Amino acid sequence: MPNADLYAVRPSLVSPALLARALDALKPGASSSAEVWQRLTEHYAVDLDAVAALMPAEEPEPRWLAARG
């Protein structure tokens, strides 16, 4: 993710309801949760802990399972 421009004015999402609404709007156009994170942080100033609480955690892919078989 590129460094954020600290001097650019971005709207802040402090309310969990507004944050959830923004996530719902960004999810359909994104191919992954990483892209949702990137789009959200490019356009808004957010509390990253609040975003993490609203987004489901992704389980890592167990690549070693295929190698064992």
N, C-alpha and C. Protein backbone atom coordinates (compact mmCIF):
# COMPACT_ATOMS: atom_id res chain seq x y z
N MET A 1 0.85 -1.16 0.00
CA MET A 1 0.00 0.00 0.00
C MET A 1 0.91 1.24 0.00
N PRO A 2 0.63 2.20 -0.87
CA PRO A 2 1.46 3.40 -0.90
C PRO A 2 1.30 4.23 0.36
N ASN A 3 2.30 5.03 0.65
CA ASN A 3 2.23 5.90 1.82
C ASN A 3 1.12 6.91 1.64
N ALA A 4 0.39 7.15 2.71
CA ALA A 4 -0.71 8.10 2.66
C ALA A 4 -0.16 9.52 2.63
N ASP A 5 -0.83 10.37 1.88
CA ASP A 5 -0.48 11.78 1.85
C ASP A 5 -1.07 12.41 3.10
N LEU A 6 -0.23 12.75 4.05
CA LEU A 6 -0.70 13.25 5.34
C LEU A 6 -1.35 14.62 5.24
N TYR A 7 -1.08 15.34 4.17
CA TYR A 7 -1.63 16.69 4.03
C TYR A 7 -2.90 16.73 3.20
N ALA A 8 -3.29 15.61 2.62
CA ALA A 8 -4.53 15.56 1.85
C ALA A 8 -5.71 15.48 2.82
N VAL A 9 -6.72 16.27 2.53
CA VAL A 9 -7.91 16.27 3.39
C VAL A 9 -8.80 15.10 2.96
N ARG A 10 -9.07 14.22 3.92
CA ARG A 10 -9.96 13.08 3.67
C ARG A 10 -11.03 13.09 4.74
N PRO A 11 -12.25 12.73 4.38
CA PRO A 11 -13.29 12.66 5.40
C PRO A 11 -12.96 11.55 6.40
N SER A 12 -13.30 11.78 7.65
CA SER A 12 -13.04 10.75 8.66
C SER A 12 -14.34 10.02 8.99
N LEU A 13 -14.19 8.73 9.18
CA LEU A 13 -15.33 7.90 9.56
C LEU A 13 -15.11 7.48 11.00
N VAL A 14 -15.82 8.13 11.90
CA VAL A 14 -15.64 7.81 13.32
C VAL A 14 -16.81 7.00 13.87
N SER A 15 -17.93 7.08 13.23
CA SER A 15 -19.10 6.34 13.68
C SER A 15 -19.06 4.92 13.12
N PRO A 16 -19.28 3.90 13.96
CA PRO A 16 -19.31 2.53 13.46
C PRO A 16 -20.38 2.31 12.38
N ALA A 17 -21.50 3.02 12.47
CA ALA A 17 -22.55 2.88 11.46
C ALA A 17 -22.09 3.42 10.11
N LEU A 18 -21.42 4.57 10.11
CA LEU A 18 -20.90 5.13 8.86
C LEU A 18 -19.78 4.27 8.29
N LEU A 19 -18.96 3.74 9.16
CA LEU A 19 -17.88 2.87 8.72
C LEU A 19 -18.43 1.59 8.09
N ALA A 20 -19.45 1.02 8.70
CA ALA A 20 -20.08 -0.18 8.16
C ALA A 20 -20.72 0.10 6.81
N ARG A 21 -21.33 1.28 6.68
CA ARG A 21 -21.95 1.65 5.40
C ARG A 21 -20.90 1.82 4.31
N ALA A 22 -19.76 2.42 4.65
CA ALA A 22 -18.68 2.59 3.68
C ALA A 22 -18.11 1.23 3.26
N LEU A 23 -17.96 0.32 4.22
CA LEU A 23 -17.46 -1.02 3.90
C LEU A 23 -18.42 -1.75 2.97
N ASP A 24 -19.72 -1.64 3.24
CA ASP A 24 -20.72 -2.28 2.38
C ASP A 24 -20.68 -1.72 0.96
N ALA A 25 -20.38 -0.44 0.83
CA ALA A 25 -20.31 0.18 -0.49
C ALA A 25 -19.05 -0.22 -1.24
N LEU A 26 -17.95 -0.47 -0.52
CA LEU A 26 -16.69 -0.79 -1.17
C LEU A 26 -16.53 -2.28 -1.50
N LYS A 27 -17.15 -3.14 -0.74
CA LYS A 27 -16.96 -4.59 -0.92
C LYS A 27 -17.35 -5.12 -2.29
N PRO A 28 -18.49 -4.71 -2.88
CA PRO A 28 -18.86 -5.30 -4.18
C PRO A 28 -17.84 -5.03 -5.30
N GLY A 29 -17.15 -3.91 -5.27
CA GLY A 29 -16.20 -3.57 -6.32
C GLY A 29 -14.79 -4.08 -6.08
N ALA A 30 -14.55 -4.68 -4.93
CA ALA A 30 -13.20 -5.13 -4.58
C ALA A 30 -13.08 -6.63 -4.77
N SER A 31 -11.91 -7.06 -5.20
CA SER A 31 -11.69 -8.49 -5.43
C SER A 31 -11.18 -9.22 -4.19
N SER A 32 -10.74 -8.47 -3.18
CA SER A 32 -10.23 -9.10 -1.96
C SER A 32 -10.41 -8.14 -0.79
N SER A 33 -10.23 -8.66 0.40
CA SER A 33 -10.34 -7.78 1.57
C SER A 33 -9.17 -6.80 1.63
N ALA A 34 -8.03 -7.18 1.07
CA ALA A 34 -6.89 -6.25 1.02
C ALA A 34 -7.23 -5.04 0.16
N GLU A 35 -7.95 -5.27 -0.92
CA GLU A 35 -8.35 -4.17 -1.78
C GLU A 35 -9.38 -3.27 -1.08
N VAL A 36 -10.24 -3.86 -0.27
CA VAL A 36 -11.21 -3.07 0.50
C VAL A 36 -10.45 -2.17 1.47
N TRP A 37 -9.46 -2.75 2.18
CA TRP A 37 -8.63 -1.96 3.10
C TRP A 37 -7.96 -0.81 2.36
N GLN A 38 -7.38 -1.11 1.19
CA GLN A 38 -6.66 -0.09 0.44
C GLN A 38 -7.59 1.03 0.01
N ARG A 39 -8.73 0.69 -0.55
CA ARG A 39 -9.67 1.71 -1.00
C ARG A 39 -10.18 2.55 0.17
N LEU A 40 -10.46 1.89 1.27
CA LEU A 40 -10.97 2.60 2.44
C LEU A 40 -9.95 3.59 2.98
N THR A 41 -8.70 3.16 3.11
CA THR A 41 -7.68 4.04 3.67
C THR A 41 -7.21 5.10 2.69
N GLU A 42 -7.41 4.89 1.38
CA GLU A 42 -7.07 5.92 0.40
C GLU A 42 -8.08 7.07 0.43
N HIS A 43 -9.34 6.74 0.72
CA HIS A 43 -10.40 7.75 0.62
C HIS A 43 -10.87 8.31 1.95
N TYR A 44 -10.59 7.62 3.04
CA TYR A 44 -11.10 8.05 4.34
C TYR A 44 -10.01 7.94 5.41
N ALA A 45 -10.15 8.75 6.44
CA ALA A 45 -9.33 8.60 7.65
C ALA A 45 -10.18 7.77 8.61
N VAL A 46 -9.68 6.60 8.99
CA VAL A 46 -10.47 5.67 9.80
C VAL A 46 -9.64 5.14 10.97
N ASP A 47 -10.35 4.62 11.94
CA ASP A 47 -9.72 3.89 13.03
C ASP A 47 -9.54 2.45 12.55
N LEU A 48 -8.31 2.03 12.35
CA LEU A 48 -8.05 0.71 11.77
C LEU A 48 -8.53 -0.42 12.67
N ASP A 49 -8.51 -0.22 13.97
CA ASP A 49 -9.04 -1.23 14.88
C ASP A 49 -10.54 -1.41 14.69
N ALA A 50 -11.24 -0.30 14.45
CA ALA A 50 -12.69 -0.38 14.22
C ALA A 50 -12.98 -1.10 12.91
N VAL A 51 -12.16 -0.86 11.89
CA VAL A 51 -12.34 -1.56 10.61
C VAL A 51 -12.09 -3.05 10.80
N ALA A 52 -11.04 -3.40 11.52
CA ALA A 52 -10.73 -4.81 11.74
C ALA A 52 -11.84 -5.51 12.51
N ALA A 53 -12.51 -4.79 13.39
CA ALA A 53 -13.60 -5.39 14.15
C ALA A 53 -14.81 -5.66 13.27
N LEU A 54 -15.00 -4.85 12.22
CA LEU A 54 -16.16 -5.01 11.34
C LEU A 54 -15.92 -5.98 10.20
N MET A 55 -14.67 -6.13 9.78
CA MET A 55 -14.38 -7.03 8.66
C MET A 55 -14.10 -8.43 9.20
N PRO A 56 -14.62 -9.45 8.54
CA PRO A 56 -14.35 -10.81 8.99
C PRO A 56 -12.88 -11.18 8.78
N ALA A 57 -12.35 -11.92 9.71
CA ALA A 57 -10.95 -12.35 9.60
C ALA A 57 -10.84 -13.44 8.55
N GLU A 58 -9.82 -13.37 7.74
CA GLU A 58 -9.59 -14.40 6.73
C GLU A 58 -8.65 -15.45 7.30
N GLU A 59 -9.00 -16.68 7.07
CA GLU A 59 -8.13 -17.77 7.50
C GLU A 59 -7.03 -17.96 6.47
N PRO A 60 -5.81 -18.19 6.91
CA PRO A 60 -4.73 -18.40 5.94
C PRO A 60 -4.92 -19.72 5.19
N GLU A 61 -4.45 -19.74 3.96
CA GLU A 61 -4.57 -20.96 3.17
C GLU A 61 -3.55 -21.98 3.64
N PRO A 62 -3.99 -23.18 3.93
CA PRO A 62 -3.03 -24.21 4.36
C PRO A 62 -2.36 -24.86 3.16
N ARG A 63 -1.36 -24.20 2.61
CA ARG A 63 -0.67 -24.71 1.43
C ARG A 63 0.10 -26.00 1.72
N TRP A 64 0.49 -26.16 2.95
CA TRP A 64 1.25 -27.36 3.29
C TRP A 64 0.39 -28.61 3.22
N LEU A 65 -0.92 -28.50 3.30
CA LEU A 65 -1.78 -29.68 3.23
C LEU A 65 -1.71 -30.35 1.87
N ALA A 66 -1.68 -29.57 0.82
CA ALA A 66 -1.57 -30.12 -0.53
C ALA A 66 -0.23 -30.84 -0.73
N ALA A 67 0.80 -30.32 -0.15
CA ALA A 67 2.14 -30.92 -0.30
C ALA A 67 2.24 -32.25 0.44
N ARG A 68 1.47 -32.44 1.50
CA ARG A 68 1.56 -33.67 2.30
C ARG A 68 0.85 -34.84 1.61
N GLY A 69 -0.13 -34.54 0.76
CA GLY A 69 -0.95 -35.59 0.18
C GLY A 69 -0.28 -36.39 -0.83
